[in-house]
């Protein structure tokens, strides 16, 4: 199965336009991130997590009980958006704590790049896509 890191952020309209340029450099996100998101495309951040952190997270996956997951539409009905196996991370684990800290930093950087706040919270789930599993292209609804 292929592994990767996907971070999804939901933006909320700014009350006032920001004077900060979209191309401002960031600690965890490259300069193309804001422009890519503003154009409605998906940004893939290369080398977001250090190899040592990825290795530690992969080692910890053995402790989790992965179960088939259902996908739900905005009305709460089961849909066919995803076919995969998921597990909730142990938030007390050191490797996950480091990843969560990085995600929070990236969230703050993204708010600065976009010039307005994002919705609160970070959701994290370990997902395994075995051969034949999928995650269909979609647009989240609020």
Protein backbone atom coordinates (compact mmCIF):
# COMPACT_ATOMS: atom_id res chain seq x y z
CA UNK A 1 0.00 0.00 0.00
CA UNK A 2 1.19 3.51 -0.78
CA UNK A 3 1.67 5.83 2.20
CA UNK A 4 1.53 9.58 2.35
CA UNK A 5 0.48 12.57 4.37
CA UNK A 6 -2.57 14.60 3.42
CA UNK A 7 -3.55 17.69 5.35
CA UNK A 8 -6.90 19.33 4.68
CA UNK A 9 -7.68 22.85 5.84
CA UNK A 10 -11.03 24.60 5.58
CA UNK A 11 -10.83 28.36 5.24
CA UNK A 12 -13.32 30.92 6.45
CA UNK A 13 -13.80 34.33 4.82
CA UNK A 14 -11.71 37.13 6.25
CA UNK A 15 -13.54 40.01 7.90
CA UNK A 16 -11.13 42.46 6.28
CA UNK A 17 -8.66 41.90 3.43
CA UNK A 18 -5.11 41.28 4.60
CA UNK A 19 -2.21 43.47 3.57
CA UNK A 20 0.12 40.44 3.60
CA UNK A 21 1.13 39.14 0.16
CA UNK A 22 0.17 35.57 -0.72
CA UNK A 23 3.77 34.67 -1.60
CA UNK A 24 5.24 35.39 1.83
CA UNK A 25 7.75 32.75 2.81
CA UNK A 26 6.71 30.24 5.45
CA UNK A 27 8.61 27.90 7.81
CA UNK A 28 6.71 24.72 6.88
CA UNK A 29 4.97 25.49 3.58
CA UNK A 30 6.54 26.48 0.29
CA UNK A 31 5.68 29.75 -1.46
CA UNK A 32 3.34 28.16 -4.02
CA UNK A 33 0.93 26.87 -1.36
CA UNK A 34 -1.36 29.89 -0.99
CA UNK A 35 -1.57 30.59 -4.72
CA UNK A 36 -2.36 26.94 -5.44
CA UNK A 37 -5.14 26.85 -2.83
CA UNK A 38 -6.51 30.25 -3.90
CA UNK A 39 -6.79 28.85 -7.45
CA UNK A 40 -8.90 25.97 -6.11
CA UNK A 41 -6.25 23.31 -6.60
CA UNK A 42 -4.69 20.83 -4.13
CA UNK A 43 -1.26 21.69 -2.75
CA UNK A 44 1.12 18.79 -2.06
CA UNK A 45 3.87 19.76 0.36
CA UNK A 46 6.98 17.75 -0.41
CA UNK A 47 9.12 16.62 2.54
CA UNK A 48 6.61 17.97 5.08
CA UNK A 49 7.72 15.51 7.75
CA UNK A 50 11.34 14.52 8.37
CA UNK A 51 12.23 10.92 7.40
CA UNK A 52 12.90 10.03 11.06
CA UNK A 53 9.38 11.13 12.04
CA UNK A 54 7.81 9.19 9.15
CA UNK A 55 9.81 6.09 10.19
CA UNK A 56 8.66 6.43 13.82
CA UNK A 57 5.03 6.79 12.74
CA UNK A 58 5.31 3.73 10.49
CA UNK A 59 6.81 1.69 13.34
CA UNK A 60 3.91 2.65 15.60
CA UNK A 61 1.26 1.55 13.10
CA UNK A 62 1.59 -2.06 14.29
CA UNK A 63 -0.13 -1.21 17.58
CA UNK A 64 -3.33 -0.04 15.88
CA UNK A 65 -6.39 -2.10 14.98
CA UNK A 66 -7.31 -0.91 11.49
CA UNK A 67 -10.96 -1.40 10.54
CA UNK A 68 -12.85 -0.86 7.29
CA UNK A 69 -14.17 2.67 7.23
CA UNK A 70 -17.37 4.14 5.89
CA UNK A 71 -17.64 7.49 4.19
CA UNK A 72 -20.54 9.84 4.89
CA UNK A 73 -22.08 12.64 2.83
CA UNK A 74 -23.02 16.00 4.35
CA UNK A 75 -26.56 14.72 5.08
CA UNK A 76 -25.15 11.83 7.14
CA UNK A 77 -25.92 9.10 4.60
CA UNK A 78 -23.26 6.52 3.76
CA UNK A 79 -21.67 7.23 0.36
CA UNK A 80 -18.98 5.64 -1.83
CA UNK A 81 -16.35 8.38 -1.52
CA UNK A 82 -13.73 6.18 0.15
CA UNK A 83 -12.79 2.54 0.53
CA UNK A 84 -9.99 2.13 3.07
CA UNK A 85 -8.99 1.00 6.56
CA UNK A 86 -8.58 3.53 9.36
CA UNK A 87 -7.38 3.81 12.95
CA UNK A 88 -7.43 6.72 15.39
CA UNK A 89 -3.92 7.72 16.51
CA UNK A 90 -2.76 7.56 20.12
CA UNK A 91 -2.47 11.26 20.93
CA UNK A 92 -0.09 10.52 23.81
CA UNK A 93 2.48 8.85 21.53
CA UNK A 94 5.66 10.90 21.00
CA UNK A 95 5.76 10.50 17.20
CA UNK A 96 2.13 11.53 16.81
CA UNK A 97 2.64 14.45 19.19
CA UNK A 98 5.52 15.67 16.98
CA UNK A 99 3.37 15.32 13.85
CA UNK A 100 0.47 17.15 15.50
CA UNK A 101 2.79 19.99 16.46
CA UNK A 102 3.96 20.24 12.85
CA UNK A 103 0.36 20.27 11.60
CA UNK A 104 -0.52 23.10 14.02
CA UNK A 105 2.51 25.07 12.84
CA UNK A 106 1.54 24.52 9.20
CA UNK A 107 -2.01 25.64 10.03
CA UNK A 108 -0.68 28.90 11.46
CA UNK A 109 1.61 29.38 8.47
CA UNK A 110 -1.28 28.75 6.09
CA UNK A 111 -3.45 31.32 7.87
CA UNK A 112 -0.63 33.87 7.42
CA UNK A 113 -0.14 32.95 3.76
CA UNK A 114 -3.86 33.20 2.98
CA UNK A 115 -4.37 36.30 5.08
CA UNK A 116 -7.39 35.02 7.00
CA UNK A 117 -8.25 32.50 9.73
CA UNK A 118 -9.00 28.81 9.17
CA UNK A 119 -11.69 26.85 10.94
CA UNK A 120 -10.58 25.52 14.33
CA UNK A 121 -9.10 22.13 15.00
CA UNK A 122 -6.99 19.51 13.29
CA UNK A 123 -8.39 16.07 12.54
CA UNK A 124 -5.92 13.22 12.19
CA UNK A 125 -6.56 9.61 11.24
CA UNK A 126 -4.23 6.88 10.03
CA UNK A 127 -5.53 5.51 6.72
CA UNK A 128 -4.35 2.47 4.78
CA UNK A 129 -5.29 2.08 1.11
CA UNK A 130 -4.68 -1.52 0.13
CA UNK A 131 -4.86 -2.60 -3.53
CA UNK A 132 -8.39 -1.90 -4.78
CA UNK A 133 -9.09 0.75 -2.11
CA UNK A 134 -9.73 4.35 -3.17
CA UNK A 135 -10.51 7.93 -2.17
CA UNK A 136 -12.51 9.74 -4.84
CA UNK A 137 -11.87 13.32 -5.86
CA UNK A 138 -14.36 15.61 -4.15
CA UNK A 139 -14.99 19.06 -2.69
CA UNK A 140 -15.81 19.23 1.02
CA UNK A 141 -19.02 20.96 2.01
CA UNK A 142 -19.40 22.97 5.20
